[in-house]
Amino acid sequence: MAVEEVAKVISTWREADLDDQEKAMLAFTEKFTLTPSQVTDADIEALRQAGFTDEEILSIGLGAGYRNWVDRIADLLGVEEEKFDYPVEILKAFGVTRKQLQTSLYEDDR
């Protein structure tokens, strides 16, 4: 996947070239992240209908929940994300430049 497409998935996933299963997963994790008290059995069933097993649904929830927890604790403590200077070989392997890495994928320009 090209850097531009990865950026689109992160910032505006509904416009990215994703399959139905990926879109179902992202819709669920977005709802789970932004309005967790509104997640219902219907949301879980939508993941099943998209082809996910109960074990995969648990993994999706655990992954999203863990990331949400880490982000909230970092926000609480005022921790800034570390900017890592990747070696040139890694950048070449992924087909990206340092300038592309410096571009924020977040609307609030974290």
N, C-alpha and C. Protein backbone atom coordinates (compact mmCIF):
# COMPACT_ATOMS: atom_id res chain seq x y z
N MET A 1 0.86 -1.18 0.00
CA MET A 1 0.00 0.00 0.00
C MET A 1 0.90 1.23 0.00
N ALA A 2 0.61 2.17 -0.87
CA ALA A 2 1.40 3.40 -0.98
C ALA A 2 1.20 4.28 0.24
N VAL A 3 2.20 5.12 0.51
CA VAL A 3 2.14 6.02 1.66
C VAL A 3 0.89 6.87 1.61
N GLU A 4 0.52 7.36 0.44
CA GLU A 4 -0.66 8.21 0.31
C GLU A 4 -1.92 7.45 0.73
N GLU A 5 -1.99 6.17 0.34
CA GLU A 5 -3.16 5.36 0.69
C GLU A 5 -3.19 5.07 2.18
N VAL A 6 -2.03 4.83 2.79
CA VAL A 6 -1.97 4.62 4.24
C VAL A 6 -2.43 5.88 4.95
N ALA A 7 -1.98 7.03 4.48
CA ALA A 7 -2.40 8.30 5.08
C ALA A 7 -3.91 8.48 4.95
N LYS A 8 -4.47 8.07 3.82
CA LYS A 8 -5.91 8.18 3.61
C LYS A 8 -6.67 7.26 4.57
N VAL A 9 -6.15 6.05 4.78
CA VAL A 9 -6.78 5.11 5.72
C VAL A 9 -6.79 5.70 7.11
N ILE A 10 -5.69 6.33 7.50
CA ILE A 10 -5.59 6.89 8.84
C ILE A 10 -6.47 8.12 9.00
N SER A 11 -6.50 8.97 8.00
CA SER A 11 -7.23 10.24 8.15
C SER A 11 -8.67 10.21 7.66
N THR A 12 -8.93 9.54 6.56
CA THR A 12 -10.29 9.49 5.99
C THR A 12 -10.54 8.09 5.43
N TRP A 13 -10.63 7.11 6.31
CA TRP A 13 -10.69 5.72 5.89
C TRP A 13 -11.88 5.40 4.99
N ARG A 14 -12.96 6.14 5.11
CA ARG A 14 -14.13 5.86 4.27
C ARG A 14 -13.87 6.10 2.79
N GLU A 15 -12.86 6.92 2.49
CA GLU A 15 -12.52 7.22 1.11
C GLU A 15 -11.38 6.35 0.58
N ALA A 16 -10.80 5.52 1.44
CA ALA A 16 -9.67 4.68 1.04
C ALA A 16 -10.16 3.45 0.28
N ASP A 17 -9.26 2.86 -0.48
CA ASP A 17 -9.55 1.67 -1.26
C ASP A 17 -9.46 0.44 -0.36
N LEU A 18 -10.52 0.18 0.40
CA LEU A 18 -10.57 -0.93 1.35
C LEU A 18 -11.71 -1.87 0.98
N ASP A 19 -11.56 -3.13 1.38
CA ASP A 19 -12.66 -4.07 1.12
C ASP A 19 -13.73 -3.92 2.21
N ASP A 20 -14.85 -4.58 2.02
CA ASP A 20 -15.98 -4.45 2.94
C ASP A 20 -15.64 -4.90 4.36
N GLN A 21 -14.81 -5.94 4.47
CA GLN A 21 -14.44 -6.42 5.79
C GLN A 21 -13.59 -5.39 6.53
N GLU A 22 -12.64 -4.79 5.83
CA GLU A 22 -11.80 -3.77 6.45
C GLU A 22 -12.64 -2.56 6.87
N LYS A 23 -13.58 -2.17 6.03
CA LYS A 23 -14.45 -1.03 6.37
C LYS A 23 -15.33 -1.35 7.58
N ALA A 24 -15.81 -2.58 7.68
CA ALA A 24 -16.62 -2.98 8.83
C ALA A 24 -15.79 -2.91 10.11
N MET A 25 -14.55 -3.38 10.03
CA MET A 25 -13.67 -3.34 11.19
C MET A 25 -13.39 -1.90 11.62
N LEU A 26 -13.10 -1.04 10.66
CA LEU A 26 -12.80 0.36 10.99
C LEU A 26 -14.03 1.10 11.52
N ALA A 27 -15.21 0.80 10.97
CA ALA A 27 -16.43 1.42 11.49
C ALA A 27 -16.65 1.02 12.94
N PHE A 28 -16.42 -0.26 13.23
CA PHE A 28 -16.58 -0.73 14.61
C PHE A 28 -15.56 -0.06 15.53
N THR A 29 -14.27 -0.06 15.14
CA THR A 29 -13.26 0.50 16.04
C THR A 29 -13.44 2.00 16.22
N GLU A 30 -13.94 2.68 15.20
CA GLU A 30 -14.22 4.10 15.35
C GLU A 30 -15.34 4.31 16.39
N LYS A 31 -16.40 3.55 16.28
CA LYS A 31 -17.50 3.67 17.24
C LYS A 31 -17.05 3.28 18.64
N PHE A 32 -16.28 2.20 18.73
CA PHE A 32 -15.76 1.72 20.01
C PHE A 32 -14.85 2.77 20.66
N THR A 33 -14.13 3.52 19.84
CA THR A 33 -13.22 4.55 20.34
C THR A 33 -13.96 5.83 20.74
N LEU A 34 -14.86 6.29 19.88
CA LEU A 34 -15.51 7.58 20.10
C LEU A 34 -16.74 7.52 20.98
N THR A 35 -17.51 6.45 20.88
CA THR A 35 -18.76 6.33 21.65
C THR A 35 -18.92 4.89 22.17
N PRO A 36 -18.02 4.44 23.03
CA PRO A 36 -18.04 3.04 23.46
C PRO A 36 -19.35 2.61 24.14
N SER A 37 -20.02 3.51 24.79
CA SER A 37 -21.27 3.14 25.47
C SER A 37 -22.41 2.88 24.48
N GLN A 38 -22.20 3.25 23.21
CA GLN A 38 -23.23 3.03 22.19
C GLN A 38 -23.01 1.77 21.37
N VAL A 39 -21.93 1.01 21.66
CA VAL A 39 -21.70 -0.26 20.97
C VAL A 39 -22.75 -1.26 21.43
N THR A 40 -23.40 -1.90 20.47
CA THR A 40 -24.48 -2.84 20.79
C THR A 40 -24.20 -4.21 20.18
N ASP A 41 -25.07 -5.15 20.48
CA ASP A 41 -24.98 -6.48 19.87
C ASP A 41 -25.04 -6.39 18.35
N ALA A 42 -25.77 -5.43 17.84
CA ALA A 42 -25.87 -5.26 16.38
C ALA A 42 -24.50 -4.93 15.77
N ASP A 43 -23.67 -4.19 16.49
CA ASP A 43 -22.33 -3.87 16.00
C ASP A 43 -21.46 -5.13 15.92
N ILE A 44 -21.59 -5.97 16.92
CA ILE A 44 -20.85 -7.24 16.92
C ILE A 44 -21.35 -8.14 15.80
N GLU A 45 -22.65 -8.16 15.62
CA GLU A 45 -23.24 -8.98 14.56
C GLU A 45 -22.79 -8.48 13.18
N ALA A 46 -22.64 -7.17 13.02
CA ALA A 46 -22.16 -6.62 11.75
C ALA A 46 -20.75 -7.12 11.45
N LEU A 47 -19.92 -7.26 12.48
CA LEU A 47 -18.58 -7.81 12.27
C LEU A 47 -18.66 -9.28 11.86
N ARG A 48 -19.56 -10.02 12.49
CA ARG A 48 -19.74 -11.43 12.11
C ARG A 48 -20.21 -11.52 10.66
N GLN A 49 -21.14 -10.66 10.28
CA GLN A 49 -21.66 -10.68 8.90
C GLN A 49 -20.56 -10.31 7.90
N ALA A 50 -19.58 -9.54 8.35
CA ALA A 50 -18.47 -9.16 7.49
C ALA A 50 -17.44 -10.30 7.36
N GLY A 51 -17.64 -11.37 8.15
CA GLY A 51 -16.77 -12.53 8.04
C GLY A 51 -15.80 -12.74 9.17
N PHE A 52 -15.90 -11.94 10.22
CA PHE A 52 -15.00 -12.11 11.36
C PHE A 52 -15.53 -13.18 12.31
N THR A 53 -14.62 -13.98 12.85
CA THR A 53 -14.97 -14.96 13.87
C THR A 53 -15.05 -14.25 15.22
N ASP A 54 -15.62 -14.91 16.20
CA ASP A 54 -15.68 -14.31 17.54
C ASP A 54 -14.28 -14.05 18.09
N GLU A 55 -13.34 -14.94 17.80
CA GLU A 55 -11.96 -14.74 18.25
C GLU A 55 -11.36 -13.50 17.58
N GLU A 56 -11.61 -13.31 16.31
CA GLU A 56 -11.10 -12.13 15.61
C GLU A 56 -11.76 -10.86 16.12
N ILE A 57 -13.04 -10.94 16.44
CA ILE A 57 -13.74 -9.77 17.00
C ILE A 57 -13.14 -9.40 18.35
N LEU A 58 -12.83 -10.41 19.15
CA LEU A 58 -12.18 -10.14 20.43
C LEU A 58 -10.83 -9.47 20.20
N SER A 59 -10.06 -9.95 19.25
CA SER A 59 -8.76 -9.35 18.94
C SER A 59 -8.91 -7.90 18.48
N ILE A 60 -9.91 -7.63 17.66
CA ILE A 60 -10.17 -6.26 17.21
C ILE A 60 -10.47 -5.36 18.41
N GLY A 61 -11.34 -5.83 19.28
CA GLY A 61 -11.70 -5.06 20.47
C GLY A 61 -10.52 -4.86 21.41
N LEU A 62 -9.74 -5.91 21.62
CA LEU A 62 -8.57 -5.79 22.51
C LEU A 62 -7.53 -4.83 21.93
N GLY A 63 -7.29 -4.93 20.63
CA GLY A 63 -6.32 -4.03 20.00
C GLY A 63 -6.75 -2.58 20.08
N ALA A 64 -7.99 -2.33 19.74
CA ALA A 64 -8.51 -0.96 19.78
C ALA A 64 -8.56 -0.45 21.22
N GLY A 65 -9.02 -1.28 22.13
CA GLY A 65 -9.11 -0.88 23.53
C GLY A 65 -7.75 -0.56 24.13
N TYR A 66 -6.75 -1.38 23.80
CA TYR A 66 -5.41 -1.14 24.31
C TYR A 66 -4.87 0.19 23.78
N ARG A 67 -5.01 0.41 22.48
CA ARG A 67 -4.51 1.65 21.90
C ARG A 67 -5.23 2.87 22.49
N ASN A 68 -6.53 2.75 22.70
CA ASN A 68 -7.30 3.84 23.32
C ASN A 68 -6.78 4.13 24.73
N TRP A 69 -6.52 3.07 25.48
CA TRP A 69 -6.03 3.22 26.85
C TRP A 69 -4.67 3.92 26.84
N VAL A 70 -3.75 3.46 26.00
CA VAL A 70 -2.43 4.05 25.92
C VAL A 70 -2.53 5.54 25.56
N ASP A 71 -3.35 5.87 24.58
CA ASP A 71 -3.51 7.27 24.17
C ASP A 71 -4.06 8.12 25.31
N ARG A 72 -5.03 7.60 26.03
CA ARG A 72 -5.63 8.38 27.12
C ARG A 72 -4.66 8.59 28.28
N ILE A 73 -3.88 7.56 28.61
CA ILE A 73 -2.87 7.71 29.67
C ILE A 73 -1.79 8.70 29.23
N ALA A 74 -1.36 8.62 27.97
CA ALA A 74 -0.37 9.57 27.46
C ALA A 74 -0.91 11.00 27.52
N ASP A 75 -2.18 11.18 27.14
CA ASP A 75 -2.80 12.50 27.23
C ASP A 75 -2.84 12.98 28.67
N LEU A 76 -3.21 12.10 29.58
CA LEU A 76 -3.29 12.44 31.00
C LEU A 76 -1.95 12.92 31.52
N LEU A 77 -0.89 12.24 31.11
CA LEU A 77 0.44 12.56 31.61
C LEU A 77 1.15 13.63 30.79
N GLY A 78 0.53 14.06 29.70
CA GLY A 78 1.15 15.08 28.85
C GLY A 78 2.32 14.55 28.05
N VAL A 79 2.31 13.26 27.77
CA VAL A 79 3.40 12.63 27.03
C VAL A 79 3.24 12.94 25.54
N GLU A 80 4.31 13.40 24.93
CA GLU A 80 4.33 13.66 23.50
C GLU A 80 4.84 12.42 22.79
N GLU A 81 4.28 12.13 21.61
CA GLU A 81 4.78 11.00 20.83
C GLU A 81 6.21 11.28 20.41
N GLU A 82 7.05 10.28 20.56
CA GLU A 82 8.46 10.42 20.19
C GLU A 82 8.60 10.39 18.67
N LYS A 83 9.39 11.29 18.17
CA LYS A 83 9.69 11.31 16.74
C LYS A 83 10.93 10.43 16.53
N PHE A 84 10.76 9.34 15.83
CA PHE A 84 11.86 8.40 15.62
C PHE A 84 12.51 8.66 14.27
N ASP A 85 13.83 8.72 14.28
CA ASP A 85 14.58 8.96 13.05
C ASP A 85 14.95 7.62 12.43
N TYR A 86 14.16 7.16 11.46
CA TYR A 86 14.37 5.86 10.84
C TYR A 86 15.61 5.87 9.96
N PRO A 87 16.37 4.76 9.95
CA PRO A 87 17.52 4.65 9.03
C PRO A 87 17.06 4.70 7.57
N VAL A 88 17.94 5.18 6.70
CA VAL A 88 17.64 5.31 5.28
C VAL A 88 17.17 3.97 4.69
N GLU A 89 17.76 2.87 5.12
CA GLU A 89 17.40 1.55 4.60
C GLU A 89 15.94 1.22 4.89
N ILE A 90 15.47 1.59 6.05
CA ILE A 90 14.06 1.34 6.42
C ILE A 90 13.15 2.21 5.56
N LEU A 91 13.52 3.46 5.40
CA LEU A 91 12.71 4.37 4.58
C LEU A 91 12.61 3.85 3.15
N LYS A 92 13.73 3.39 2.59
CA LYS A 92 13.73 2.85 1.23
C LYS A 92 12.87 1.59 1.15
N ALA A 93 12.97 0.74 2.16
CA ALA A 93 12.19 -0.51 2.15
C ALA A 93 10.70 -0.24 2.11
N PHE A 94 10.26 0.85 2.75
CA PHE A 94 8.84 1.19 2.77
C PHE A 94 8.47 2.23 1.73
N GLY A 95 9.46 2.68 0.97
CA GLY A 95 9.18 3.62 -0.10
C GLY A 95 8.72 4.99 0.36
N VAL A 96 9.26 5.47 1.48
CA VAL A 96 8.88 6.79 1.99
C VAL A 96 10.11 7.65 2.18
N THR A 97 9.89 8.95 2.26
CA THR A 97 10.98 9.89 2.51
C THR A 97 10.83 10.47 3.91
N ARG A 98 11.91 11.08 4.38
CA ARG A 98 11.84 11.73 5.71
C ARG A 98 10.77 12.83 5.71
N LYS A 99 10.67 13.55 4.62
CA LYS A 99 9.68 14.63 4.53
C LYS A 99 8.26 14.08 4.68
N GLN A 100 7.99 12.94 4.04
CA GLN A 100 6.66 12.33 4.17
C GLN A 100 6.37 11.94 5.61
N LEU A 101 7.39 11.45 6.32
CA LEU A 101 7.20 11.05 7.71
C LEU A 101 6.92 12.25 8.62
N GLN A 102 7.41 13.42 8.22
CA GLN A 102 7.22 14.62 9.05
C GLN A 102 5.84 15.21 8.89
N THR A 103 5.08 14.75 7.91
CA THR A 103 3.74 15.25 7.68
C THR A 103 2.78 14.59 8.67
N SER A 104 2.02 15.37 9.38
CA SER A 104 1.08 14.85 10.36
C SER A 104 -0.10 14.20 9.64
N LEU A 105 -0.49 13.06 10.15
CA LEU A 105 -1.67 12.37 9.61
C LEU A 105 -2.92 12.72 10.42
N TYR A 106 -2.73 13.54 11.45
CA TYR A 106 -3.84 13.89 12.34
C TYR A 106 -4.32 15.29 12.05
N GLU A 107 -5.62 15.46 12.17
CA GLU A 107 -6.20 16.78 11.92
C GLU A 107 -5.71 17.81 12.91
N ASP A 108 -5.45 17.39 14.16
CA ASP A 108 -5.02 18.36 15.17
C ASP A 108 -3.50 18.58 15.15
N ASP A 109 -2.83 18.00 14.14
CA ASP A 109 -1.40 18.19 13.91
C ASP A 109 -0.56 17.85 15.12
N ARG A 110 -0.82 16.70 15.70
CA ARG A 110 -0.03 16.25 16.87
C ARG A 110 1.41 16.10 16.48
